[in-house]
Full PDB file with SEQRES, HELIX, SHEET, SSBOND, CRYST1, ORIGX, SCALE, CONECT and MASTER records, all heavy atoms in Angstrom:
SEQRES   1 A   42  ILE VAL LYS GLY LEU LEU LEU CYS LYS TRP PRO GLY ARG          
SEQRES   2 A   42  MET GLN CYS LEU ARG SER SER ILE GLY SER PHE PHE LEU          
SEQRES   3 A   42  ASP GLY ALA HIS THR ILE GLU SER MET GLU SER CYS ILE          
SEQRES   4 A   42  SER TRP PHE                                                  
HELIX    1 AA1 VAL A    2  LEU A    7  1                                   6    
HELIX    2 AA2 ILE A   32  TRP A   41  1                                  10    
SHEET    1 AA1 2 GLN A  15  SER A  19  0                                        
SHEET    2 AA1 2 GLY A  22  LEU A  26 -1                                        
CRYST1    1.000    1.000    1.000  90.00  90.00  90.00 P 1           1          
ORIGX1      1.000000  0.000000  0.000000        0.00000                         
ORIGX2      0.000000  1.000000  0.000000        0.00000                         
ORIGX3      0.000000  0.000000  1.000000        0.00000                         
SCALE1      1.000000  0.000000  0.000000        0.00000                         
SCALE2      0.000000  1.000000  0.000000        0.00000                         
SCALE3      0.000000  0.000000  1.000000        0.00000                         
ATOM      1  N   ILE A   1     142.411-160.500  23.045  1.00  0.00           N  
ATOM      2  CA  ILE A   1     141.594-160.169  24.206  1.00  0.00           C  
ATOM      3  C   ILE A   1     142.383-159.276  25.160  1.00  0.00           C  
ATOM      4  O   ILE A   1     141.896-158.236  25.619  1.00  0.00           O  
ATOM      5  CB  ILE A   1     141.128-161.451  24.939  1.00  0.00           C  
ATOM      6  CG1 ILE A   1     140.037-162.150  24.131  1.00  0.00           C  
ATOM      7  CG2 ILE A   1     140.603-161.109  26.339  1.00  0.00           C  
ATOM      8  CD1 ILE A   1     139.583-163.466  24.730  1.00  0.00           C  
ATOM      9  N   VAL A   2     143.622-159.682  25.456  1.00  0.00           N  
ATOM     10  CA  VAL A   2     144.474-158.895  26.351  1.00  0.00           C  
ATOM     11  C   VAL A   2     144.729-157.513  25.771  1.00  0.00           C  
ATOM     12  O   VAL A   2     144.628-156.499  26.477  1.00  0.00           O  
ATOM     13  CB  VAL A   2     145.813-159.618  26.601  1.00  0.00           C  
ATOM     14  CG1 VAL A   2     146.782-158.713  27.357  1.00  0.00           C  
ATOM     15  CG2 VAL A   2     145.586-160.903  27.380  1.00  0.00           C  
ATOM     16  N   LYS A   3     145.039-157.461  24.482  1.00  0.00           N  
ATOM     17  CA  LYS A   3     145.310-156.173  23.834  1.00  0.00           C  
ATOM     18  C   LYS A   3     144.071-155.281  23.879  1.00  0.00           C  
ATOM     19  O   LYS A   3     144.167-154.069  24.141  1.00  0.00           O  
ATOM     20  CB  LYS A   3     145.759-156.394  22.392  1.00  0.00           C  
ATOM     21  CG  LYS A   3     146.281-155.134  21.720  1.00  0.00           C  
ATOM     22  CD  LYS A   3     146.836-155.449  20.327  1.00  0.00           C  
ATOM     23  CE  LYS A   3     147.381-154.186  19.670  1.00  0.00           C  
ATOM     24  NZ  LYS A   3     147.902-154.461  18.304  1.00  0.00           N  
ATOM     25  N   GLY A   4     142.905-155.886  23.634  1.00  0.00           N  
ATOM     26  CA  GLY A   4     141.663-155.120  23.680  1.00  0.00           C  
ATOM     27  C   GLY A   4     141.409-154.530  25.058  1.00  0.00           C  
ATOM     28  O   GLY A   4     140.999-153.378  25.188  1.00  0.00           O  
ATOM     29  N   LEU A   5     141.660-155.308  26.102  1.00  0.00           N  
ATOM     30  CA  LEU A   5     141.465-154.829  27.469  1.00  0.00           C  
ATOM     31  C   LEU A   5     142.431-153.699  27.807  1.00  0.00           C  
ATOM     32  O   LEU A   5     142.048-152.689  28.412  1.00  0.00           O  
ATOM     33  CB  LEU A   5     141.642-155.976  28.467  1.00  0.00           C  
ATOM     34  CG  LEU A   5     140.596-157.097  28.439  1.00  0.00           C  
ATOM     35  CD1 LEU A   5     140.991-158.204  29.409  1.00  0.00           C  
ATOM     36  CD2 LEU A   5     139.209-156.561  28.777  1.00  0.00           C  
ATOM     37  N   LEU A   6     143.694-153.875  27.417  1.00  0.00           N  
ATOM     38  CA  LEU A   6     144.715-152.900  27.780  1.00  0.00           C  
ATOM     39  C   LEU A   6     144.590-151.592  26.995  1.00  0.00           C  
ATOM     40  O   LEU A   6     144.942-150.523  27.496  1.00  0.00           O  
ATOM     41  CB  LEU A   6     146.110-153.494  27.578  1.00  0.00           C  
ATOM     42  CG  LEU A   6     146.469-154.699  28.454  1.00  0.00           C  
ATOM     43  CD1 LEU A   6     147.879-155.193  28.147  1.00  0.00           C  
ATOM     44  CD2 LEU A   6     146.352-154.344  29.934  1.00  0.00           C  
ATOM     45  N   LEU A   7     144.108-151.674  25.761  1.00  0.00           N  
ATOM     46  CA  LEU A   7     144.000-150.481  24.920  1.00  0.00           C  
ATOM     47  C   LEU A   7     142.658-149.774  25.057  1.00  0.00           C  
ATOM     48  O   LEU A   7     142.452-148.718  24.464  1.00  0.00           O  
ATOM     49  CB  LEU A   7     144.240-150.849  23.455  1.00  0.00           C  
ATOM     50  CG  LEU A   7     145.651-151.315  23.092  1.00  0.00           C  
ATOM     51  CD1 LEU A   7     145.743-151.629  21.601  1.00  0.00           C  
ATOM     52  CD2 LEU A   7     146.681-150.252  23.462  1.00  0.00           C  
ATOM     53  N   CYS A   8     141.753-150.369  25.825  1.00  0.00           N  
ATOM     54  CA  CYS A   8     140.427-149.779  25.989  1.00  0.00           C  
ATOM     55  C   CYS A   8     140.531-148.431  26.692  1.00  0.00           C  
ATOM     56  O   CYS A   8     141.167-148.306  27.742  1.00  0.00           O  
ATOM     57  CB  CYS A   8     139.530-150.726  26.786  1.00  0.00           C  
ATOM     58  SG  CYS A   8     137.872-150.062  27.080  1.00  0.00           S  
ATOM     59  N   LYS A   9     139.896-147.423  26.126  1.00  0.00           N  
ATOM     60  CA  LYS A   9     139.855-146.094  26.720  1.00  0.00           C  
ATOM     61  C   LYS A   9     138.414-145.775  27.100  1.00  0.00           C  
ATOM     62  O   LYS A   9     137.534-145.710  26.244  1.00  0.00           O  
ATOM     63  CB  LYS A   9     140.384-145.039  25.744  1.00  0.00           C  
ATOM     64  CG  LYS A   9     141.873-145.181  25.424  1.00  0.00           C  
ATOM     65  CD  LYS A   9     142.340-144.096  24.475  1.00  0.00           C  
ATOM     66  CE  LYS A   9     143.831-144.228  24.168  1.00  0.00           C  
ATOM     67  NZ  LYS A   9     144.289-143.163  23.225  1.00  0.00           N  
ATOM     68  N   TRP A  10     138.176-145.586  28.382  1.00  0.00           N  
ATOM     69  CA  TRP A  10     136.830-145.267  28.862  1.00  0.00           C  
ATOM     70  C   TRP A  10     136.957-144.167  29.913  1.00  0.00           C  
ATOM     71  O   TRP A  10     137.011-144.421  31.109  1.00  0.00           O  
ATOM     72  CB  TRP A  10     136.186-146.526  29.433  1.00  0.00           C  
ATOM     73  CG  TRP A  10     134.701-146.434  29.627  1.00  0.00           C  
ATOM     74  CD1 TRP A  10     134.011-146.768  30.757  1.00  0.00           C  
ATOM     75  CD2 TRP A  10     133.720-145.998  28.677  1.00  0.00           C  
ATOM     76  NE1 TRP A  10     132.661-146.566  30.563  1.00  0.00           N  
ATOM     77  CE2 TRP A  10     132.456-146.091  29.303  1.00  0.00           C  
ATOM     78  CE3 TRP A  10     133.786-145.518  27.361  1.00  0.00           C  
ATOM     79  CZ2 TRP A  10     131.279-145.740  28.659  1.00  0.00           C  
ATOM     80  CZ3 TRP A  10     132.609-145.161  26.720  1.00  0.00           C  
ATOM     81  CH2 TRP A  10     131.382-145.285  27.367  1.00  0.00           C  
ATOM     82  N   PRO A  11     137.032-142.906  29.446  1.00  0.00           N  
ATOM     83  CA  PRO A  11     137.308-141.779  30.344  1.00  0.00           C  
ATOM     84  C   PRO A  11     136.257-141.605  31.432  1.00  0.00           C  
ATOM     85  O   PRO A  11     135.090-141.960  31.259  1.00  0.00           O  
ATOM     86  CB  PRO A  11     137.306-140.576  29.392  1.00  0.00           C  
ATOM     87  CG  PRO A  11     137.481-141.147  28.030  1.00  0.00           C  
ATOM     88  CD  PRO A  11     136.842-142.484  28.056  1.00  0.00           C  
ATOM     89  N   GLY A  12     136.696-141.045  32.544  1.00  0.00           N  
ATOM     90  CA  GLY A  12     135.772-140.665  33.596  1.00  0.00           C  
ATOM     91  C   GLY A  12     135.377-141.756  34.549  1.00  0.00           C  
ATOM     92  O   GLY A  12     134.603-141.537  35.478  1.00  0.00           O  
ATOM     93  N   ARG A  13     135.892-142.968  34.314  1.00  0.00           N  
ATOM     94  CA  ARG A  13     135.594-144.078  35.200  1.00  0.00           C  
ATOM     95  C   ARG A  13     136.923-144.596  35.742  1.00  0.00           C  
ATOM     96  O   ARG A  13     137.681-145.242  35.032  1.00  0.00           O  
ATOM     97  CB  ARG A  13     134.867-145.198  34.476  1.00  0.00           C  
ATOM     98  CG  ARG A  13     133.428-144.878  34.079  1.00  0.00           C  
ATOM     99  CD  ARG A  13     133.328-144.061  32.817  1.00  0.00           C  
ATOM    100  NE  ARG A  13     131.961-143.958  32.321  1.00  0.00           N  
ATOM    101  CZ  ARG A  13     131.627-143.252  31.241  1.00  0.00           C  
ATOM    102  NH1 ARG A  13     132.548-142.559  30.576  1.00  0.00           N  
ATOM    103  NH2 ARG A  13     130.368-143.225  30.843  1.00  0.00           N  
ATOM    104  N   MET A  14     137.198-144.259  37.001  1.00  0.00           N  
ATOM    105  CA  MET A  14     138.467-144.617  37.626  1.00  0.00           C  
ATOM    106  C   MET A  14     139.649-144.238  36.727  1.00  0.00           C  
ATOM    107  O   MET A  14     140.520-145.042  36.422  1.00  0.00           O  
ATOM    108  CB  MET A  14     138.501-146.116  37.966  1.00  0.00           C  
ATOM    109  CG  MET A  14     137.476-146.500  39.008  1.00  0.00           C  
ATOM    110  SD  MET A  14     137.616-148.206  39.578  1.00  0.00           S  
ATOM    111  CE  MET A  14     136.293-148.242  40.829  1.00  0.00           C  
ATOM    112  N   GLN A  15     139.653-142.985  36.301  1.00  0.00           N  
ATOM    113  CA  GLN A  15     140.672-142.469  35.387  1.00  0.00           C  
ATOM    114  C   GLN A  15     141.660-141.578  36.129  1.00  0.00           C  
ATOM    115  O   GLN A  15     141.273-140.709  36.914  1.00  0.00           O  
ATOM    116  CB  GLN A  15     140.017-141.657  34.262  1.00  0.00           C  
ATOM    117  CG  GLN A  15     141.015-141.036  33.298  1.00  0.00           C  
ATOM    118  CD  GLN A  15     140.385-140.016  32.363  1.00  0.00           C  
ATOM    119  OE1 GLN A  15     139.186-139.748  32.434  1.00  0.00           O  
ATOM    120  NE2 GLN A  15     141.191-139.435  31.485  1.00  0.00           N  
ATOM    121  N   CYS A  16     142.932-141.787  35.856  1.00  0.00           N  
ATOM    122  CA  CYS A  16     143.991-140.919  36.393  1.00  0.00           C  
ATOM    123  C   CYS A  16     144.465-139.988  35.284  1.00  0.00           C  
ATOM    124  O   CYS A  16     144.690-140.427  34.154  1.00  0.00           O  
ATOM    125  CB  CYS A  16     145.167-141.749  36.911  1.00  0.00           C  
ATOM    126  SG  CYS A  16     144.745-142.879  38.234  1.00  0.00           S  
ATOM    127  N   LEU A  17     144.621-138.715  35.603  1.00  0.00           N  
ATOM    128  CA  LEU A  17     145.044-137.726  34.618  1.00  0.00           C  
ATOM    129  C   LEU A  17     146.035-136.772  35.282  1.00  0.00           C  
ATOM    130  O   LEU A  17     145.701-136.076  36.235  1.00  0.00           O  
ATOM    131  CB  LEU A  17     143.816-136.958  34.106  1.00  0.00           C  
ATOM    132  CG  LEU A  17     143.975-136.090  32.864  1.00  0.00           C  
ATOM    133  CD1 LEU A  17     144.376-136.936  31.656  1.00  0.00           C  
ATOM    134  CD2 LEU A  17     142.664-135.361  32.567  1.00  0.00           C  
ATOM    135  N   ARG A  18     147.275-136.756  34.782  1.00  0.00           N  
ATOM    136  CA  ARG A  18     148.324-135.907  35.358  1.00  0.00           C  
ATOM    137  C   ARG A  18     148.313-134.541  34.693  1.00  0.00           C  
ATOM    138  O   ARG A  18     148.277-134.441  33.469  1.00  0.00           O  
ATOM    139  CB  ARG A  18     149.704-136.551  35.172  1.00  0.00           C  
ATOM    140  CG  ARG A  18     149.764-138.033  35.540  1.00  0.00           C  
ATOM    141  CD  ARG A  18     149.487-138.286  37.003  1.00  0.00           C  
ATOM    142  NE  ARG A  18     149.473-139.722  37.297  1.00  0.00           N  
ATOM    143  CZ  ARG A  18     149.149-140.235  38.464  1.00  0.00           C  
ATOM    144  NH1 ARG A  18     148.827-139.439  39.468  1.00  0.00           N  
ATOM    145  NH2 ARG A  18     149.134-141.550  38.656  1.00  0.00           N  
ATOM    146  N   SER A  19     148.346-133.486  35.509  1.00  0.00           N  
ATOM    147  CA  SER A  19     148.345-132.124  34.962  1.00  0.00           C  
ATOM    148  C   SER A  19     149.382-131.283  35.682  1.00  0.00           C  
ATOM    149  O   SER A  19     150.019-131.729  36.644  1.00  0.00           O  
ATOM    150  CB  SER A  19     146.953-131.499  35.133  1.00  0.00           C  
ATOM    151  OG  SER A  19     146.789-131.025  36.452  1.00  0.00           O  
ATOM    152  N   SER A  20     149.518-130.037  35.256  1.00  0.00           N  
ATOM    153  CA  SER A  20     150.507-129.139  35.866  1.00  0.00           C  
ATOM    154  C   SER A  20     150.086-128.697  37.266  1.00  0.00           C  
ATOM    155  O   SER A  20     150.910-128.223  38.042  1.00  0.00           O  
ATOM    156  CB  SER A  20     150.709-127.908  34.973  1.00  0.00           C  
ATOM    157  OG  SER A  20     149.502-127.174  34.861  1.00  0.00           O  
ATOM    158  N   ILE A  21     148.807-128.832  37.597  1.00  0.00           N  
ATOM    159  CA  ILE A  21     148.356-128.399  38.925  1.00  0.00           C  
ATOM    160  C   ILE A  21     148.152-129.586  39.865  1.00  0.00           C  
ATOM    161  O   ILE A  21     147.726-129.406  41.014  1.00  0.00           O  
ATOM    162  CB  ILE A  21     147.058-127.574  38.846  1.00  0.00           C  
ATOM    163  CG1 ILE A  21     145.889-128.413  38.321  1.00  0.00           C  
ATOM    164  CG2 ILE A  21     147.263-126.341  38.004  1.00  0.00           C  
ATOM    165  CD1 ILE A  21     144.545-127.689  38.396  1.00  0.00           C  
ATOM    166  N   GLY A  22     148.441-130.779  39.402  1.00  0.00           N  
ATOM    167  CA  GLY A  22     148.309-131.949  40.257  1.00  0.00           C  
ATOM    168  C   GLY A  22     147.795-133.158  39.511  1.00  0.00           C  
ATOM    169  O   GLY A  22     147.624-133.129  38.286  1.00  0.00           O  
ATOM    170  N   SER A  23     147.545-134.219  40.239  1.00  0.00           N  
ATOM    171  CA  SER A  23     147.021-135.455  39.666  1.00  0.00           C  
ATOM    172  C   SER A  23     145.515-135.513  39.890  1.00  0.00           C  
ATOM    173  O   SER A  23     145.049-135.395  41.022  1.00  0.00           O  
ATOM    174  CB  SER A  23     147.683-136.675  40.318  1.00  0.00           C  
ATOM    175  OG  SER A  23     149.070-136.681  40.068  1.00  0.00           O  
ATOM    176  N   PHE A  24     144.782-135.680  38.787  1.00  0.00           N  
ATOM    177  CA  PHE A  24     143.329-135.788  38.867  1.00  0.00           C  
ATOM    178  C   PHE A  24     142.917-137.256  38.893  1.00  0.00           C  
ATOM    179  O   PHE A  24     143.432-138.075  38.129  1.00  0.00           O  
ATOM    180  CB  PHE A  24     142.670-135.091  37.677  1.00  0.00           C  
ATOM    181  CG  PHE A  24     142.646-133.591  37.793  1.00  0.00           C  
ATOM    182  CD1 PHE A  24     143.734-132.838  37.382  1.00  0.00           C  
ATOM    183  CD2 PHE A  24     141.536-132.932  38.314  1.00  0.00           C  
ATOM    184  CE1 PHE A  24     143.733-131.460  37.481  1.00  0.00           C  
ATOM    185  CE2 PHE A  24     141.524-131.557  38.424  1.00  0.00           C  
ATOM    186  CZ  PHE A  24     142.616-130.810  38.011  1.00  0.00           C  
ATOM    187  N   PHE A  25     141.962-137.547  39.761  1.00  0.00           N  
ATOM    188  CA  PHE A  25     141.397-138.889  39.842  1.00  0.00           C  
ATOM    189  C   PHE A  25     139.898-138.732  39.607  1.00  0.00           C  
ATOM    190  O   PHE A  25     139.183-138.161  40.439  1.00  0.00           O  
ATOM    191  CB  PHE A  25     141.691-139.507  41.208  1.00  0.00           C  
ATOM    192  CG  PHE A  25     143.168-139.583  41.497  1.00  0.00           C  
ATOM    193  CD1 PHE A  25     143.819-138.526  42.128  1.00  0.00           C  
ATOM    194  CD2 PHE A  25     143.918-140.685  41.110  1.00  0.00           C  
ATOM    195  CE1 PHE A  25     145.190-138.573  42.373  1.00  0.00           C  
ATOM    196  CE2 PHE A  25     145.286-140.744  41.348  1.00  0.00           C  
ATOM    197  CZ  PHE A  25     145.925-139.691  41.977  1.00  0.00           C  
ATOM    198  N   LEU A  26     139.452-139.207  38.449  1.00  0.00           N  
ATOM    199  CA  LEU A  26     138.083-138.936  38.014  1.00  0.00           C  
ATOM    200  C   LEU A  26     137.252-140.219  38.016  1.00  0.00           C  
ATOM    201  O   LEU A  26     137.615-141.199  37.355  1.00  0.00           O  
ATOM    202  CB  LEU A  26     138.080-138.319  36.618  1.00  0.00           C  
ATOM    203  CG  LEU A  26     138.930-137.054  36.437  1.00  0.00           C  
ATOM    204  CD1 LEU A  26     140.155-137.374  35.601  1.00  0.00           C  
ATOM    205  CD2 LEU A  26     138.137-135.945  35.793  1.00  0.00           C  
ATOM    206  N   ASP A  27     136.145-140.184  38.741  1.00  0.00           N  
ATOM    207  CA  ASP A  27     135.240-141.331  38.756  1.00  0.00           C  
ATOM    208  C   ASP A  27     133.818-140.831  39.002  1.00  0.00           C  
ATOM    209  O   ASP A  27     133.557-140.157  40.003  1.00  0.00           O  
ATOM    210  CB  ASP A  27     135.643-142.333  39.842  1.00  0.00           C  
ATOM    211  CG  ASP A  27     134.842-143.615  39.752  1.00  0.00           C  
ATOM    212  OD1 ASP A  27     134.883-144.254  38.689  1.00  0.00           O  
ATOM    213  OD2 ASP A  27     134.172-143.970  40.731  1.00  0.00           O  
ATOM    214  N   GLY A  28     132.931-141.169  38.105  1.00  0.00           N  
ATOM    215  CA  GLY A  28     131.559-140.656  38.182  1.00  0.00           C  
ATOM    216  C   GLY A  28     130.673-141.402  39.149  1.00  0.00           C  
ATOM    217  O   GLY A  28     129.477-141.581  38.883  1.00  0.00           O  
ATOM    218  N   ALA A  29     131.201-141.845  40.269  1.00  0.00           N  
ATOM    219  CA  ALA A  29     130.418-142.599  41.258  1.00  0.00           C  
ATOM    220  C   ALA A  29     129.237-141.768  41.746  1.00  0.00           C  
ATOM    221  O   ALA A  29     129.412-140.630  42.167  1.00  0.00           O  
ATOM    222  CB  ALA A  29     131.319-142.992  42.429  1.00  0.00           C  
ATOM    223  N   HIS A  30     128.033-142.362  41.702  1.00  0.00           N  
ATOM    224  CA  HIS A  30     126.849-141.620  42.131  1.00  0.00           C  
ATOM    225  C   HIS A  30     125.895-142.465  42.976  1.00  0.00           C  
ATOM    226  O   HIS A  30     124.769-142.035  43.247  1.00  0.00           O  
ATOM    227  CB  HIS A  30     126.113-141.051  40.911  1.00  0.00           C  
ATOM    228  CG  HIS A  30     125.718-142.088  39.904  1.00  0.00           C  
ATOM    229  ND1 HIS A  30     126.553-142.473  38.878  1.00  0.00           N  
ATOM    230  CD2 HIS A  30     124.600-142.820  39.787  1.00  0.00           C  
ATOM    231  CE1 HIS A  30     125.951-143.404  38.160  1.00  0.00           C  
ATOM    232  NE2 HIS A  30     124.771-143.637  38.693  1.00  0.00           N  
ATOM    233  N   THR A  31     126.323-143.663  43.367  1.00  0.00           N  
ATOM    234  CA  THR A  31     125.556-144.474  44.308  1.00  0.00           C  
ATOM    235  C   THR A  31     126.452-144.788  45.511  1.00  0.00           C  
ATOM    236  O   THR A  31     127.671-144.611  45.446  1.00  0.00           O  
ATOM    237  CB  THR A  31     125.091-145.796  43.674  1.00  0.00           C  
ATOM    238  OG1 THR A  31     126.232-146.620  43.383  1.00  0.00           O  
ATOM    239  CG2 THR A  31     124.313-145.542  42.387  1.00  0.00           C  
ATOM    240  N   ILE A  32     125.856-145.272  46.591  1.00  0.00           N  
ATOM    241  CA  ILE A  32     126.639-145.589  47.786  1.00  0.00           C  
ATOM    242  C   ILE A  32     127.688-146.648  47.476  1.00  0.00           C  
ATOM    243  O   ILE A  32     128.859-146.529  47.851  1.00  0.00           O  
ATOM    244  CB  ILE A  32     125.704-146.071  48.922  1.00  0.00           C  
ATOM    245  CG1 ILE A  32     124.746-144.959  49.320  1.00  0.00           C  
ATOM    246  CG2 ILE A  32     126.523-146.526  50.129  1.00  0.00           C  
ATOM    247  CD1 ILE A  32     123.677-145.387  50.302  1.00  0.00           C  
ATOM    248  N   GLU A  33     127.253-147.695  46.759  1.00  0.00           N  
ATOM    249  CA  GLU A  33     128.181-148.791  46.446  1.00  0.00           C  
ATOM    250  C   GLU A  33     129.311-148.331  45.535  1.00  0.00           C  
ATOM    251  O   GLU A  33     130.481-148.675  45.744  1.00  0.00           O  
ATOM    252  CB  GLU A  33     127.420-149.961  45.792  1.00  0.00           C  
ATOM    253  CG  GLU A  33     126.433-150.662  46.703  1.00  0.00           C  
ATOM    254  CD  GLU A  33     125.095-149.931  46.813  1.00  0.00           C  
ATOM    255  OE1 GLU A  33     124.871-148.968  46.037  1.00  0.00           O  
ATOM    256  OE2 GLU A  33     124.291-150.297  47.680  1.00  0.00           O  
ATOM    257  N   SER A  34     128.971-147.547  44.503  1.00  0.00           N  
ATOM    258  CA  SER A  34     130.011-147.082  43.590  1.00  0.00           C  
ATOM    259  C   SER A  34     130.944-146.085  44.275  1.00  0.00           C  
ATOM    260  O   SER A  34     132.136-146.030  43.967  1.00  0.00           O  
ATOM    261  CB  SER A  34     129.398-146.463  42.330  1.00  0.00           C  
ATOM    262  OG  SER A  34     128.563-145.373  42.652  1.00  0.00           O  
ATOM    263  N   MET A  35     130.424-145.315  45.241  1.00  0.00           N  
ATOM    264  CA  MET A  35     131.279-144.387  45.970  1.00  0.00           C  
ATOM    265  C   MET A  35     132.258-145.149  46.857  1.00  0.00           C  
ATOM    266  O   MET A  35     133.425-144.751  47.006  1.00  0.00           O  
ATOM    267  CB  MET A  35     130.432-143.425  46.812  1.00  0.00           C  
ATOM    268  CG  MET A  35     131.249-142.344  47.510  1.00  0.00           C  
ATOM    269  SD  MET A  35     132.209-141.321  46.343  1.00  0.00           S  
ATOM    270  CE  MET A  35     130.892-140.346  45.595  1.00  0.00           C  
ATOM    271  N   GLU A  36     131.810-146.246  47.451  1.00  0.00           N  
ATOM    272  CA  GLU A  36     132.708-147.083  48.253  1.00  0.00           C  
ATOM    273  C   GLU A  36     133.844-147.622  47.391  1.00  0.00           C  
ATOM    274  O   GLU A  36     135.008-147.643  47.815  1.00  0.00           O  
ATOM    275  CB  GLU A  36     131.919-148.226  48.889  1.00  0.00           C  
ATOM    276  CG  GLU A  36     130.971-147.779  49.996  1.00  0.00           C  
ATOM    277  CD  GLU A  36     130.070-148.899  50.490  1.00  0.00           C  
ATOM    278  OE1 GLU A  36     130.078-149.983  49.861  1.00  0.00           O  
ATOM    279  OE2 GLU A  36     129.357-148.690  51.495  1.00  0.00           O  
ATOM    280  N   SER A  37     133.508-148.050  46.175  1.00  0.00           N  
ATOM    281  CA  SER A  37     134.533-148.542  45.242  1.00  0.00           C  
ATOM    282  C   SER A  37     135.477-147.420  44.845  1.00  0.00           C  
ATOM    283  O   SER A  37     136.694-147.612  44.738  1.00  0.00           O  
ATOM    284  CB  SER A  37     133.874-149.140  43.997  1.00  0.00           C  
ATOM    285  OG  SER A  37     133.063-150.237  44.325  1.00  0.00           O  
ATOM    286  N   CYS A  38     134.910-146.221  44.625  1.00  0.00           N  
ATOM    287  CA  CYS A  38     135.711-145.056  44.248  1.00  0.00           C  
ATOM    288  C   CYS A  38     136.717-144.713  45.345  1.00  0.00           C  
ATOM    289  O   CYS A  38     137.896-144.451  45.060  1.00  0.00           O  
ATOM    290  CB  CYS A  38     134.791-143.869  43.963  1.00  0.00           C  
ATOM    291  SG  CYS A  38     135.637-142.299  43.702  1.00  0.00           S  
ATOM    292  N   ILE A  39     136.266-144.710  46.583  1.00  0.00           N  
ATOM    293  CA  ILE A  39     137.144-144.378  47.712  1.00  0.00           C  
ATOM    294  C   ILE A  39     138.271-145.393  47.834  1.00  0.00           C  
ATOM    295  O   ILE A  39     139.437-145.036  48.031  1.00  0.00           O  
ATOM    296  CB  ILE A  39     136.323-144.302  49.013  1.00  0.00           C  
ATOM    297  CG1 ILE A  39     135.406-143.068  48.978  1.00  0.00           C  
ATOM    298  CG2 ILE A  39     137.238-144.242  50.237  1.00  0.00           C  
ATOM    299  CD1 ILE A  39     134.400-143.015  50.099  1.00  0.00           C  
ATOM    300  N   SER A  40     137.917-146.666  47.695  1.00  0.00           N  
ATOM    301  CA  SER A  40     138.926-147.733  47.772  1.00  0.00           C  
ATOM    302  C   SER A  40     139.966-147.570  46.667  1.00  0.00           C  
ATOM    303  O   SER A  40     141.178-147.700  46.899  1.00  0.00           O  
ATOM    304  CB  SER A  40     138.244-149.095  47.661  1.00  0.00           C  
ATOM    305  OG  SER A  40     139.197-150.135  47.633  1.00  0.00           O  
ATOM    306  N   TRP A  41     139.486-147.247  45.468  1.00  0.00           N  
ATOM    307  CA  TRP A  41     140.397-147.036  44.317  1.00  0.00           C  
ATOM    308  C   TRP A  41     141.287-145.815  44.540  1.00  0.00           C  
ATOM    309  O   TRP A  41     142.495-145.870  44.295  1.00  0.00           O  
ATOM    310  CB  TRP A  41     139.550-146.862  43.058  1.00  0.00           C  
ATOM    311  CG  TRP A  41     140.283-146.282  41.889  1.00  0.00           C  
ATOM    312  CD1 TRP A  41     141.200-146.898  41.094  1.00  0.00           C  
ATOM    313  CD2 TRP A  41     140.154-144.938  41.384  1.00  0.00           C  
ATOM    314  NE1 TRP A  41     141.651-146.030  40.122  1.00  0.00           N  
ATOM    315  CE2 TRP A  41     141.034-144.832  40.280  1.00  0.00           C  
ATOM    316  CE3 TRP A  41     139.390-143.840  41.753  1.00  0.00           C  
ATOM    317  CZ2 TRP A  41     141.151-143.647  39.545  1.00  0.00           C  
ATOM    318  CZ3 TRP A  41     139.502-142.666  41.024  1.00  0.00           C  
ATOM    319  CH2 TRP A  41     140.374-142.581  39.930  1.00  0.00           C  
ATOM    320  N   PHE A  42     140.698-144.727  45.024  1.00  0.00           N  
ATOM    321  CA  PHE A  42     141.460-143.498  45.241  1.00  0.00           C  
ATOM    322  C   PHE A  42     142.579-143.718  46.262  1.00  0.00           C  
ATOM    323  O   PHE A  42     143.714-143.272  46.071  1.00  0.00           O  
ATOM    324  CB  PHE A  42     140.524-142.388  45.707  1.00  0.00           C  
ATOM    325  CG  PHE A  42     141.219-141.088  46.005  1.00  0.00           C  
ATOM    326  CD1 PHE A  42     141.783-140.331  44.987  1.00  0.00           C  
ATOM    327  CD2 PHE A  42     141.307-140.623  47.313  1.00  0.00           C  
ATOM    328  CE1 PHE A  42     142.417-139.130  45.255  1.00  0.00           C  
ATOM    329  CE2 PHE A  42     141.947-139.423  47.593  1.00  0.00           C  
ATOM    330  CZ  PHE A  42     142.499-138.676  46.566  1.00  0.00           C  
TER     331      PHE A  42                                                      
MASTER        0    0    0    2    2    0    0    6  330    1    0    4          
END                                                                             
């Protein structure tokens, strides 16, 4: 169970991605509640 949780890859949902131009923080929040969660996470 732990291994499954840790190895799970679900891009675009609270995802951090490091690049040469900076750190990307990607989250497809599109409701008020999900945007609040996105801001808190960011």
